[in-house]
ModelCIF file with pLDDT and N, C-alpha, C, O atoms, coordinates in Angstrom:
data_MODEL
#
_entry.id   MODEL 
#
_entity.id                         1 
_entity.type                       polymer 
_entity.pdbx_number_of_molecules   1 
#
_entity_poly.entity_id                      1 
_entity_poly.type                           'polypeptide(L)' 
_entity_poly.nstd_linkage                   no 
_entity_poly.nstd_monomer                   no 
_entity_poly.pdbx_seq_one_letter_code       
;(UNK)(UNK)(UNK)(UNK)(UNK)(UNK)(UNK)(UNK)(UNK)(UNK)(UNK)(UNK)(UNK)(UNK)(UNK)(UNK)
(UNK)(UNK)(UNK)(UNK)(UNK)(UNK)(UNK)(UNK)(UNK)(UNK)(UNK)(UNK)(UNK)(UNK)(UNK)(UNK)
(UNK)(UNK)(UNK)(UNK)(UNK)(UNK)(UNK)(UNK)(UNK)(UNK)(UNK)(UNK)(UNK)
;
_entity_poly.pdbx_seq_one_letter_code_can   XXXXXXXXXXXXXXXXXXXXXXXXXXXXXXXXXXXXXXXXXXXXX 
_entity_poly.pdbx_strand_id                 A 
#
loop_
_entity_poly_seq.entity_id 
_entity_poly_seq.num 
_entity_poly_seq.mon_id 
_entity_poly_seq.hetero 
1 1  UNK n 
1 2  UNK n 
1 3  UNK n 
1 4  UNK n 
1 5  UNK n 
1 6  UNK n 
1 7  UNK n 
1 8  UNK n 
1 9  UNK n 
1 10 UNK n 
1 11 UNK n 
1 12 UNK n 
1 13 UNK n 
1 14 UNK n 
1 15 UNK n 
1 16 UNK n 
1 17 UNK n 
1 18 UNK n 
1 19 UNK n 
1 20 UNK n 
1 21 UNK n 
1 22 UNK n 
1 23 UNK n 
1 24 UNK n 
1 25 UNK n 
1 26 UNK n 
1 27 UNK n 
1 28 UNK n 
1 29 UNK n 
1 30 UNK n 
1 31 UNK n 
1 32 UNK n 
1 33 UNK n 
1 34 UNK n 
1 35 UNK n 
1 36 UNK n 
1 37 UNK n 
1 38 UNK n 
1 39 UNK n 
1 40 UNK n 
1 41 UNK n 
1 42 UNK n 
1 43 UNK n 
1 44 UNK n 
1 45 UNK n 
#
_struct_asym.id          A 
_struct_asym.entity_id   1 
#
loop_
_ma_qa_metric.id 
_ma_qa_metric.mode 
_ma_qa_metric.name 
_ma_qa_metric.software_group_id 
_ma_qa_metric.type 
1 global pLDDT . pLDDT 
2 local  pLDDT . pLDDT 
#
_ma_qa_metric_global.metric_id      1 
_ma_qa_metric_global.metric_value   97.24 
_ma_qa_metric_global.model_id       1 
_ma_qa_metric_global.ordinal_id     1 
#
loop_
_ma_qa_metric_local.label_asym_id 
_ma_qa_metric_local.label_comp_id 
_ma_qa_metric_local.label_seq_id 
_ma_qa_metric_local.metric_id 
_ma_qa_metric_local.metric_value 
_ma_qa_metric_local.model_id 
_ma_qa_metric_local.ordinal_id 
A UNK 1  2 98.00 1 1  
A UNK 2  2 98.00 1 2  
A UNK 3  2 97.00 1 3  
A UNK 4  2 98.00 1 4  
A UNK 5  2 98.00 1 5  
A UNK 6  2 98.00 1 6  
A UNK 7  2 97.00 1 7  
A UNK 8  2 98.00 1 8  
A UNK 9  2 98.00 1 9  
A UNK 10 2 98.00 1 10 
A UNK 11 2 97.00 1 11 
A UNK 12 2 97.00 1 12 
A UNK 13 2 98.00 1 13 
A UNK 14 2 97.00 1 14 
A UNK 15 2 97.00 1 15 
A UNK 16 2 97.00 1 16 
A UNK 17 2 95.00 1 17 
A UNK 18 2 96.00 1 18 
A UNK 19 2 97.00 1 19 
A UNK 20 2 97.00 1 20 
A UNK 21 2 98.00 1 21 
A UNK 22 2 98.00 1 22 
A UNK 23 2 98.00 1 23 
A UNK 24 2 98.00 1 24 
A UNK 25 2 98.00 1 25 
A UNK 26 2 98.00 1 26 
A UNK 27 2 98.00 1 27 
A UNK 28 2 97.00 1 28 
A UNK 29 2 97.00 1 29 
A UNK 30 2 95.00 1 30 
A UNK 31 2 96.00 1 31 
A UNK 32 2 98.00 1 32 
A UNK 33 2 97.00 1 33 
A UNK 34 2 97.00 1 34 
A UNK 35 2 93.00 1 35 
A UNK 36 2 95.00 1 36 
A UNK 37 2 96.00 1 37 
A UNK 38 2 97.00 1 38 
A UNK 39 2 98.00 1 39 
A UNK 40 2 98.00 1 40 
A UNK 41 2 98.00 1 41 
A UNK 42 2 98.00 1 42 
A UNK 43 2 98.00 1 43 
A UNK 44 2 98.00 1 44 
A UNK 45 2 98.00 1 45 
#
loop_
_atom_site.group_PDB 
_atom_site.id 
_atom_site.type_symbol 
_atom_site.label_atom_id 
_atom_site.label_alt_id 
_atom_site.label_comp_id 
_atom_site.label_asym_id 
_atom_site.label_entity_id 
_atom_site.label_seq_id 
_atom_site.pdbx_PDB_ins_code 
_atom_site.Cartn_x 
_atom_site.Cartn_y 
_atom_site.Cartn_z 
_atom_site.occupancy 
_atom_site.B_iso_or_equiv 
_atom_site.pdbx_formal_charge 
_atom_site.auth_seq_id 
_atom_site.auth_comp_id 
_atom_site.auth_asym_id 
_atom_site.auth_atom_id 
_atom_site.pdbx_PDB_model_num 
ATOM 1   N N  . UNK A 1 1  ? -10.596 -40.454 -7.484  1.00 98.00 ? 1  UNK A N  1 
ATOM 2   C CA . UNK A 1 1  ? -9.392  -40.893 -8.190  1.00 98.00 ? 1  UNK A CA 1 
ATOM 3   C C  . UNK A 1 1  ? -8.475  -41.642 -7.222  1.00 98.00 ? 1  UNK A C  1 
ATOM 4   O O  . UNK A 1 1  ? -8.752  -41.715 -6.024  1.00 98.00 ? 1  UNK A O  1 
ATOM 5   N N  . UNK A 1 2  ? -7.398  -42.188 -7.742  1.00 98.00 ? 2  UNK A N  1 
ATOM 6   C CA . UNK A 1 2  ? -6.470  -42.961 -6.933  1.00 98.00 ? 2  UNK A CA 1 
ATOM 7   C C  . UNK A 1 2  ? -5.661  -42.098 -5.975  1.00 98.00 ? 2  UNK A C  1 
ATOM 8   O O  . UNK A 1 2  ? -5.320  -40.960 -6.298  1.00 98.00 ? 2  UNK A O  1 
ATOM 9   N N  . UNK A 1 3  ? -5.356  -42.630 -4.810  1.00 97.00 ? 3  UNK A N  1 
ATOM 10  C CA . UNK A 1 3  ? -4.621  -41.859 -3.800  1.00 97.00 ? 3  UNK A CA 1 
ATOM 11  C C  . UNK A 1 3  ? -3.210  -41.513 -4.255  1.00 97.00 ? 3  UNK A C  1 
ATOM 12  O O  . UNK A 1 3  ? -2.625  -40.537 -3.786  1.00 97.00 ? 3  UNK A O  1 
ATOM 13  N N  . UNK A 1 4  ? -2.656  -42.319 -5.179  1.00 98.00 ? 4  UNK A N  1 
ATOM 14  C CA . UNK A 1 4  ? -1.332  -42.016 -5.714  1.00 98.00 ? 4  UNK A CA 1 
ATOM 15  C C  . UNK A 1 4  ? -1.341  -40.909 -6.749  1.00 98.00 ? 4  UNK A C  1 
ATOM 16  O O  . UNK A 1 4  ? -0.285  -40.433 -7.164  1.00 98.00 ? 4  UNK A O  1 
ATOM 17  N N  . UNK A 1 5  ? -2.530  -40.495 -7.169  1.00 98.00 ? 5  UNK A N  1 
ATOM 18  C CA . UNK A 1 5  ? -2.637  -39.467 -8.196  1.00 98.00 ? 5  UNK A CA 1 
ATOM 19  C C  . UNK A 1 5  ? -2.683  -38.052 -7.638  1.00 98.00 ? 5  UNK A C  1 
ATOM 20  O O  . UNK A 1 5  ? -2.457  -37.088 -8.370  1.00 98.00 ? 5  UNK A O  1 
ATOM 21  N N  . UNK A 1 6  ? -2.971  -37.921 -6.362  1.00 98.00 ? 6  UNK A N  1 
ATOM 22  C CA . UNK A 1 6  ? -3.047  -36.590 -5.780  1.00 98.00 ? 6  UNK A CA 1 
ATOM 23  C C  . UNK A 1 6  ? -4.122  -36.513 -4.718  1.00 98.00 ? 6  UNK A C  1 
ATOM 24  O O  . UNK A 1 6  ? -4.823  -37.492 -4.461  1.00 98.00 ? 6  UNK A O  1 
ATOM 25  N N  . UNK A 1 7  ? -4.254  -35.348 -4.099  1.00 97.00 ? 7  UNK A N  1 
ATOM 26  C CA . UNK A 1 7  ? -5.240  -35.148 -3.039  1.00 97.00 ? 7  UNK A CA 1 
ATOM 27  C C  . UNK A 1 7  ? -6.594  -34.734 -3.629  1.00 97.00 ? 7  UNK A C  1 
ATOM 28  O O  . UNK A 1 7  ? -7.360  -35.583 -4.084  1.00 97.00 ? 7  UNK A O  1 
ATOM 29  N N  . UNK A 1 8  ? -6.881  -33.439 -3.618  1.00 98.00 ? 8  UNK A N  1 
ATOM 30  C CA . UNK A 1 8  ? -8.133  -32.988 -4.220  1.00 98.00 ? 8  UNK A CA 1 
ATOM 31  C C  . UNK A 1 8  ? -8.068  -33.083 -5.740  1.00 98.00 ? 8  UNK A C  1 
ATOM 32  O O  . UNK A 1 8  ? -9.047  -33.465 -6.382  1.00 98.00 ? 8  UNK A O  1 
ATOM 33  N N  . UNK A 1 9  ? -6.926  -32.739 -6.312  1.00 98.00 ? 9  UNK A N  1 
ATOM 34  C CA . UNK A 1 9  ? -6.741  -32.783 -7.762  1.00 98.00 ? 9  UNK A CA 1 
ATOM 35  C C  . UNK A 1 9  ? -5.865  -33.966 -8.145  1.00 98.00 ? 9  UNK A C  1 
ATOM 36  O O  . UNK A 1 9  ? -4.865  -34.247 -7.485  1.00 98.00 ? 9  UNK A O  1 
ATOM 37  N N  . UNK A 1 10 ? -6.242  -34.647 -9.201  1.00 98.00 ? 10 UNK A N  1 
ATOM 38  C CA . UNK A 1 10 ? -5.411  -35.731 -9.736  1.00 98.00 ? 10 UNK A CA 1 
ATOM 39  C C  . UNK A 1 10 ? -4.377  -35.135 -10.669 1.00 98.00 ? 10 UNK A C  1 
ATOM 40  O O  . UNK A 1 10 ? -4.725  -34.530 -11.683 1.00 98.00 ? 10 UNK A O  1 
ATOM 41  N N  . UNK A 1 11 ? -3.108  -35.303 -10.334 1.00 97.00 ? 11 UNK A N  1 
ATOM 42  C CA . UNK A 1 11 ? -2.031  -34.703 -11.125 1.00 97.00 ? 11 UNK A CA 1 
ATOM 43  C C  . UNK A 1 11 ? -1.063  -35.734 -11.709 1.00 97.00 ? 11 UNK A C  1 
ATOM 44  O O  . UNK A 1 11 ? -0.270  -35.401 -12.589 1.00 97.00 ? 11 UNK A O  1 
ATOM 45  N N  . UNK A 1 12 ? -1.117  -36.982 -11.230 1.00 97.00 ? 12 UNK A N  1 
ATOM 46  C CA . UNK A 1 12 ? -0.210  -38.031 -11.708 1.00 97.00 ? 12 UNK A CA 1 
ATOM 47  C C  . UNK A 1 12 ? -1.032  -39.251 -12.103 1.00 97.00 ? 12 UNK A C  1 
ATOM 48  O O  . UNK A 1 12 ? -2.022  -39.587 -11.454 1.00 97.00 ? 12 UNK A O  1 
ATOM 49  N N  . UNK A 1 13 ? -0.604  -39.910 -13.179 1.00 98.00 ? 13 UNK A N  1 
ATOM 50  C CA . UNK A 1 13 ? -1.358  -41.050 -13.685 1.00 98.00 ? 13 UNK A CA 1 
ATOM 51  C C  . UNK A 1 13 ? -0.399  -42.176 -14.054 1.00 98.00 ? 13 UNK A C  1 
ATOM 52  O O  . UNK A 1 13 ? 0.720   -41.931 -14.505 1.00 98.00 ? 13 UNK A O  1 
ATOM 53  N N  . UNK A 1 14 ? -0.848  -43.407 -13.860 1.00 97.00 ? 14 UNK A N  1 
ATOM 54  C CA . UNK A 1 14 ? 0.023   -44.551 -14.126 1.00 97.00 ? 14 UNK A CA 1 
ATOM 55  C C  . UNK A 1 14 ? -0.810  -45.792 -14.417 1.00 97.00 ? 14 UNK A C  1 
ATOM 56  O O  . UNK A 1 14 ? -1.951  -45.915 -13.973 1.00 97.00 ? 14 UNK A O  1 
ATOM 57  N N  . UNK A 1 15 ? -0.211  -46.709 -15.174 1.00 97.00 ? 15 UNK A N  1 
ATOM 58  C CA . UNK A 1 15 ? -0.836  -48.004 -15.438 1.00 97.00 ? 15 UNK A CA 1 
ATOM 59  C C  . UNK A 1 15 ? -0.055  -49.120 -14.752 1.00 97.00 ? 15 UNK A C  1 
ATOM 60  O O  . UNK A 1 15 ? -0.195  -50.295 -15.092 1.00 97.00 ? 15 UNK A O  1 
ATOM 61  N N  . UNK A 1 16 ? 0.769   -48.731 -13.782 1.00 97.00 ? 16 UNK A N  1 
ATOM 62  C CA . UNK A 1 16 ? 1.646   -49.689 -13.093 1.00 97.00 ? 16 UNK A CA 1 
ATOM 63  C C  . UNK A 1 16 ? 0.957   -50.280 -11.877 1.00 97.00 ? 16 UNK A C  1 
ATOM 64  O O  . UNK A 1 16 ? 0.295   -49.575 -11.116 1.00 97.00 ? 16 UNK A O  1 
ATOM 65  N N  . UNK A 1 17 ? 1.122   -51.577 -11.707 1.00 95.00 ? 17 UNK A N  1 
ATOM 66  C CA . UNK A 1 17 ? 0.531   -52.271 -10.567 1.00 95.00 ? 17 UNK A CA 1 
ATOM 67  C C  . UNK A 1 17 ? 1.074   -51.706 -9.250  1.00 95.00 ? 17 UNK A C  1 
ATOM 68  O O  . UNK A 1 17 ? 2.261   -51.396 -9.148  1.00 95.00 ? 17 UNK A O  1 
ATOM 69  N N  . UNK A 1 18 ? 0.210   -51.573 -8.252  1.00 96.00 ? 18 UNK A N  1 
ATOM 70  C CA . UNK A 1 18 ? 0.536   -51.060 -6.918  1.00 96.00 ? 18 UNK A CA 1 
ATOM 71  C C  . UNK A 1 18 ? 0.893   -49.576 -6.905  1.00 96.00 ? 18 UNK A C  1 
ATOM 72  O O  . UNK A 1 18 ? 1.352   -49.067 -5.882  1.00 96.00 ? 18 UNK A O  1 
ATOM 73  N N  . UNK A 1 19 ? 0.696   -48.880 -8.009  1.00 97.00 ? 19 UNK A N  1 
ATOM 74  C CA . UNK A 1 19 ? 0.962   -47.434 -8.014  1.00 97.00 ? 19 UNK A CA 1 
ATOM 75  C C  . UNK A 1 19 ? -0.152  -46.671 -7.298  1.00 97.00 ? 19 UNK A C  1 
ATOM 76  O O  . UNK A 1 19 ? 0.055   -45.549 -6.837  1.00 97.00 ? 19 UNK A O  1 
ATOM 77  N N  . UNK A 1 20 ? -1.318  -47.279 -7.209  1.00 97.00 ? 20 UNK A N  1 
ATOM 78  C CA . UNK A 1 20 ? -2.498  -46.646 -6.609  1.00 97.00 ? 20 UNK A CA 1 
ATOM 79  C C  . UNK A 1 20 ? -2.863  -45.349 -7.324  1.00 97.00 ? 20 UNK A C  1 
ATOM 80  O O  . UNK A 1 20 ? -3.469  -44.448 -6.744  1.00 97.00 ? 20 UNK A O  1 
ATOM 81  N N  . UNK A 1 21 ? -2.478  -45.277 -8.595  1.00 98.00 ? 21 UNK A N  1 
ATOM 82  C CA . UNK A 1 21 ? -2.813  -44.100 -9.394  1.00 98.00 ? 21 UNK A CA 1 
ATOM 83  C C  . UNK A 1 21 ? -3.915  -44.420 -10.404 1.00 98.00 ? 21 UNK A C  1 
ATOM 84  O O  . UNK A 1 21 ? -4.084  -45.563 -10.828 1.00 98.00 ? 21 UNK A O  1 
ATOM 85  N N  . UNK A 1 22 ? -4.643  -43.399 -10.765 1.00 98.00 ? 22 UNK A N  1 
ATOM 86  C CA . UNK A 1 22 ? -5.650  -43.544 -11.815 1.00 98.00 ? 22 UNK A CA 1 
ATOM 87  C C  . UNK A 1 22 ? -4.969  -43.636 -13.172 1.00 98.00 ? 22 UNK A C  1 
ATOM 88  O O  . UNK A 1 22 ? -3.834  -43.191 -13.340 1.00 98.00 ? 22 UNK A O  1 
ATOM 89  N N  . UNK A 1 23 ? -5.672  -44.215 -14.136 1.00 98.00 ? 23 UNK A N  1 
ATOM 90  C CA . UNK A 1 23 ? -5.142  -44.375 -15.492 1.00 98.00 ? 23 UNK A CA 1 
ATOM 91  C C  . UNK A 1 23 ? -6.053  -43.659 -16.475 1.00 98.00 ? 23 UNK A C  1 
ATOM 92  O O  . UNK A 1 23 ? -7.275  -43.794 -16.420 1.00 98.00 ? 23 UNK A O  1 
ATOM 93  N N  . UNK A 1 24 ? -5.447  -42.899 -17.369 1.00 98.00 ? 24 UNK A N  1 
ATOM 94  C CA . UNK A 1 24 ? -6.209  -42.150 -18.364 1.00 98.00 ? 24 UNK A CA 1 
ATOM 95  C C  . UNK A 1 24 ? -6.584  -43.023 -19.554 1.00 98.00 ? 24 UNK A C  1 
ATOM 96  O O  . UNK A 1 24 ? -6.013  -44.091 -19.771 1.00 98.00 ? 24 UNK A O  1 
ATOM 97  N N  . UNK A 1 25 ? -7.566  -42.538 -20.322 1.00 98.00 ? 25 UNK A N  1 
ATOM 98  C CA . UNK A 1 25 ? -7.851  -43.159 -21.600 1.00 98.00 ? 25 UNK A CA 1 
ATOM 99  C C  . UNK A 1 25 ? -9.212  -43.799 -21.735 1.00 98.00 ? 25 UNK A C  1 
ATOM 100 O O  . UNK A 1 25 ? -10.106 -43.622 -20.907 1.00 98.00 ? 25 UNK A O  1 
ATOM 101 N N  . UNK A 1 26 ? -9.331  -44.559 -22.825 1.00 98.00 ? 26 UNK A N  1 
ATOM 102 C CA . UNK A 1 26 ? -10.590 -45.213 -23.172 1.00 98.00 ? 26 UNK A CA 1 
ATOM 103 C C  . UNK A 1 26 ? -10.636 -46.643 -22.642 1.00 98.00 ? 26 UNK A C  1 
ATOM 104 O O  . UNK A 1 26 ? -9.665  -47.396 -22.721 1.00 98.00 ? 26 UNK A O  1 
ATOM 105 N N  . UNK A 1 27 ? -11.794 -46.983 -22.103 1.00 98.00 ? 27 UNK A N  1 
ATOM 106 C CA . UNK A 1 27 ? -12.056 -48.319 -21.575 1.00 98.00 ? 27 UNK A CA 1 
ATOM 107 C C  . UNK A 1 27 ? -13.373 -48.827 -22.155 1.00 98.00 ? 27 UNK A C  1 
ATOM 108 O O  . UNK A 1 27 ? -14.161 -48.071 -22.723 1.00 98.00 ? 27 UNK A O  1 
ATOM 109 N N  . UNK A 1 28 ? -13.583 -50.127 -21.993 1.00 97.00 ? 28 UNK A N  1 
ATOM 110 C CA . UNK A 1 28 ? -14.910 -50.700 -22.163 1.00 97.00 ? 28 UNK A CA 1 
ATOM 111 C C  . UNK A 1 28 ? -15.405 -51.110 -20.784 1.00 97.00 ? 28 UNK A C  1 
ATOM 112 O O  . UNK A 1 28 ? -14.737 -51.860 -20.072 1.00 97.00 ? 28 UNK A O  1 
ATOM 113 N N  . UNK A 1 29 ? -16.575 -50.616 -20.414 1.00 97.00 ? 29 UNK A N  1 
ATOM 114 C CA . UNK A 1 29 ? -17.215 -51.048 -19.168 1.00 97.00 ? 29 UNK A CA 1 
ATOM 115 C C  . UNK A 1 29 ? -17.835 -52.410 -19.456 1.00 97.00 ? 29 UNK A C  1 
ATOM 116 O O  . UNK A 1 29 ? -18.757 -52.521 -20.264 1.00 97.00 ? 29 UNK A O  1 
ATOM 117 N N  . UNK A 1 30 ? -17.327 -53.441 -18.797 1.00 95.00 ? 30 UNK A N  1 
ATOM 118 C CA . UNK A 1 30 ? -17.648 -54.802 -19.227 1.00 95.00 ? 30 UNK A CA 1 
ATOM 119 C C  . UNK A 1 30 ? -18.626 -55.524 -18.307 1.00 95.00 ? 30 UNK A C  1 
ATOM 120 O O  . UNK A 1 30 ? -19.815 -55.204 -18.283 1.00 95.00 ? 30 UNK A O  1 
ATOM 121 N N  . UNK A 1 31 ? -18.129 -56.493 -17.553 1.00 96.00 ? 31 UNK A N  1 
ATOM 122 C CA . UNK A 1 31 ? -19.011 -57.408 -16.828 1.00 96.00 ? 31 UNK A CA 1 
ATOM 123 C C  . UNK A 1 31 ? -19.101 -57.089 -15.334 1.00 96.00 ? 31 UNK A C  1 
ATOM 124 O O  . UNK A 1 31 ? -18.227 -56.436 -14.764 1.00 96.00 ? 31 UNK A O  1 
ATOM 125 N N  . UNK A 1 32 ? -20.173 -57.565 -14.728 1.00 98.00 ? 32 UNK A N  1 
ATOM 126 C CA . UNK A 1 32 ? -20.465 -57.330 -13.316 1.00 98.00 ? 32 UNK A CA 1 
ATOM 127 C C  . UNK A 1 32 ? -19.965 -58.510 -12.485 1.00 98.00 ? 32 UNK A C  1 
ATOM 128 O O  . UNK A 1 32 ? -20.057 -59.660 -12.912 1.00 98.00 ? 32 UNK A O  1 
ATOM 129 N N  . UNK A 1 33 ? -19.436 -58.217 -11.296 1.00 97.00 ? 33 UNK A N  1 
ATOM 130 C CA . UNK A 1 33 ? -19.033 -59.263 -10.362 1.00 97.00 ? 33 UNK A CA 1 
ATOM 131 C C  . UNK A 1 33 ? -19.224 -58.757 -8.938  1.00 97.00 ? 33 UNK A C  1 
ATOM 132 O O  . UNK A 1 33 ? -19.420 -57.562 -8.719  1.00 97.00 ? 33 UNK A O  1 
ATOM 133 N N  . UNK A 1 34 ? -19.168 -59.647 -7.994  1.00 97.00 ? 34 UNK A N  1 
ATOM 134 C CA . UNK A 1 34 ? -19.270 -59.276 -6.582  1.00 97.00 ? 34 UNK A CA 1 
ATOM 135 C C  . UNK A 1 34 ? -17.912 -59.482 -5.921  1.00 97.00 ? 34 UNK A C  1 
ATOM 136 O O  . UNK A 1 34 ? -17.384 -60.594 -5.910  1.00 97.00 ? 34 UNK A O  1 
ATOM 137 N N  . UNK A 1 35 ? -17.348 -58.408 -5.372  1.00 93.00 ? 35 UNK A N  1 
ATOM 138 C CA . UNK A 1 35 ? -16.038 -58.463 -4.740  1.00 93.00 ? 35 UNK A CA 1 
ATOM 139 C C  . UNK A 1 35 ? -16.061 -57.857 -3.361  1.00 93.00 ? 35 UNK A C  1 
ATOM 140 O O  . UNK A 1 35 ? -17.115 -57.789 -2.729  1.00 93.00 ? 35 UNK A O  1 
ATOM 141 N N  . UNK A 1 36 ? -14.906 -57.410 -2.878  1.00 95.00 ? 36 UNK A N  1 
ATOM 142 C CA . UNK A 1 36 ? -14.814 -56.864 -1.523  1.00 95.00 ? 36 UNK A CA 1 
ATOM 143 C C  . UNK A 1 36 ? -15.570 -55.550 -1.368  1.00 95.00 ? 36 UNK A C  1 
ATOM 144 O O  . UNK A 1 36 ? -15.875 -55.132 -0.251  1.00 95.00 ? 36 UNK A O  1 
ATOM 145 N N  . UNK A 1 37 ? -15.868 -54.905 -2.480  1.00 96.00 ? 37 UNK A N  1 
ATOM 146 C CA . UNK A 1 37 ? -16.641 -53.669 -2.435  1.00 96.00 ? 37 UNK A CA 1 
ATOM 147 C C  . UNK A 1 37 ? -18.105 -53.904 -2.813  1.00 96.00 ? 37 UNK A C  1 
ATOM 148 O O  . UNK A 1 37 ? -18.854 -52.957 -3.052  1.00 96.00 ? 37 UNK A O  1 
ATOM 149 N N  . UNK A 1 38 ? -18.500 -55.176 -2.864  1.00 97.00 ? 38 UNK A N  1 
ATOM 150 C CA . UNK A 1 38 ? -19.866 -55.483 -3.270  1.00 97.00 ? 38 UNK A CA 1 
ATOM 151 C C  . UNK A 1 38 ? -19.990 -55.570 -4.776  1.00 97.00 ? 38 UNK A C  1 
ATOM 152 O O  . UNK A 1 38 ? -19.041 -55.938 -5.468  1.00 97.00 ? 38 UNK A O  1 
ATOM 153 N N  . UNK A 1 39 ? -21.140 -55.238 -5.267  1.00 98.00 ? 39 UNK A N  1 
ATOM 154 C CA . UNK A 1 39 ? -21.405 -55.314 -6.708  1.00 98.00 ? 39 UNK A CA 1 
ATOM 155 C C  . UNK A 1 39 ? -20.527 -54.290 -7.436  1.00 98.00 ? 39 UNK A C  1 
ATOM 156 O O  . UNK A 1 39 ? -20.577 -53.094 -7.150  1.00 98.00 ? 39 UNK A O  1 
ATOM 157 N N  . UNK A 1 40 ? -19.722 -54.786 -8.381  1.00 98.00 ? 40 UNK A N  1 
ATOM 158 C CA . UNK A 1 40 ? -18.739 -53.940 -9.054  1.00 98.00 ? 40 UNK A CA 1 
ATOM 159 C C  . UNK A 1 40 ? -18.727 -54.239 -10.552 1.00 98.00 ? 40 UNK A C  1 
ATOM 160 O O  . UNK A 1 40 ? -19.318 -55.218 -11.008 1.00 98.00 ? 40 UNK A O  1 
ATOM 161 N N  . UNK A 1 41 ? -18.048 -53.385 -11.301 1.00 98.00 ? 41 UNK A N  1 
ATOM 162 C CA . UNK A 1 41 ? -18.030 -53.499 -12.759 1.00 98.00 ? 41 UNK A CA 1 
ATOM 163 C C  . UNK A 1 41 ? -16.592 -53.460 -13.264 1.00 98.00 ? 41 UNK A C  1 
ATOM 164 O O  . UNK A 1 41 ? -15.860 -52.509 -12.992 1.00 98.00 ? 41 UNK A O  1 
ATOM 165 N N  . UNK A 1 42 ? -16.192 -54.486 -13.994 1.00 98.00 ? 42 UNK A N  1 
ATOM 166 C CA . UNK A 1 42 ? -14.839 -54.541 -14.532 1.00 98.00 ? 42 UNK A CA 1 
ATOM 167 C C  . UNK A 1 42 ? -14.673 -53.603 -15.715 1.00 98.00 ? 42 UNK A C  1 
ATOM 168 O O  . UNK A 1 42 ? -15.604 -53.374 -16.487 1.00 98.00 ? 42 UNK A O  1 
ATOM 169 N N  . UNK A 1 43 ? -13.455 -53.059 -15.840 1.00 98.00 ? 43 UNK A N  1 
ATOM 170 C CA . UNK A 1 43 ? -13.100 -52.180 -16.943 1.00 98.00 ? 43 UNK A CA 1 
ATOM 171 C C  . UNK A 1 43 ? -11.956 -52.802 -17.743 1.00 98.00 ? 43 UNK A C  1 
ATOM 172 O O  . UNK A 1 43 ? -10.990 -53.302 -17.168 1.00 98.00 ? 43 UNK A O  1 
ATOM 173 N N  . UNK A 1 44 ? -12.068 -52.768 -19.057 1.00 98.00 ? 44 UNK A N  1 
ATOM 174 C CA . UNK A 1 44 ? -10.993 -53.215 -19.942 1.00 98.00 ? 44 UNK A CA 1 
ATOM 175 C C  . UNK A 1 44 ? -10.340 -51.990 -20.578 1.00 98.00 ? 44 UNK A C  1 
ATOM 176 O O  . UNK A 1 44 ? -10.988 -51.267 -21.335 1.00 98.00 ? 44 UNK A O  1 
ATOM 177 N N  . UNK A 1 45 ? -9.063  -51.752 -20.276 1.00 98.00 ? 45 UNK A N  1 
ATOM 178 C CA . UNK A 1 45 ? -8.349  -50.616 -20.848 1.00 98.00 ? 45 UNK A CA 1 
ATOM 179 C C  . UNK A 1 45 ? -7.993  -50.854 -22.307 1.00 98.00 ? 45 UNK A C  1 
ATOM 180 O O  . UNK A 1 45 ? -7.387  -49.992 -22.943 1.00 98.00 ? 45 UNK A O  1 
#
């Protein structure tokens, strides 16, 4: 989970840019691209 959400347990969630928090809810796992982490998959919230 995001470092802004907590340490071992995720306790805070946000959809705000630069919050570094995870976001809850339903997504569509969409298209593949290559980025700084290599092969990755975009999510649409």
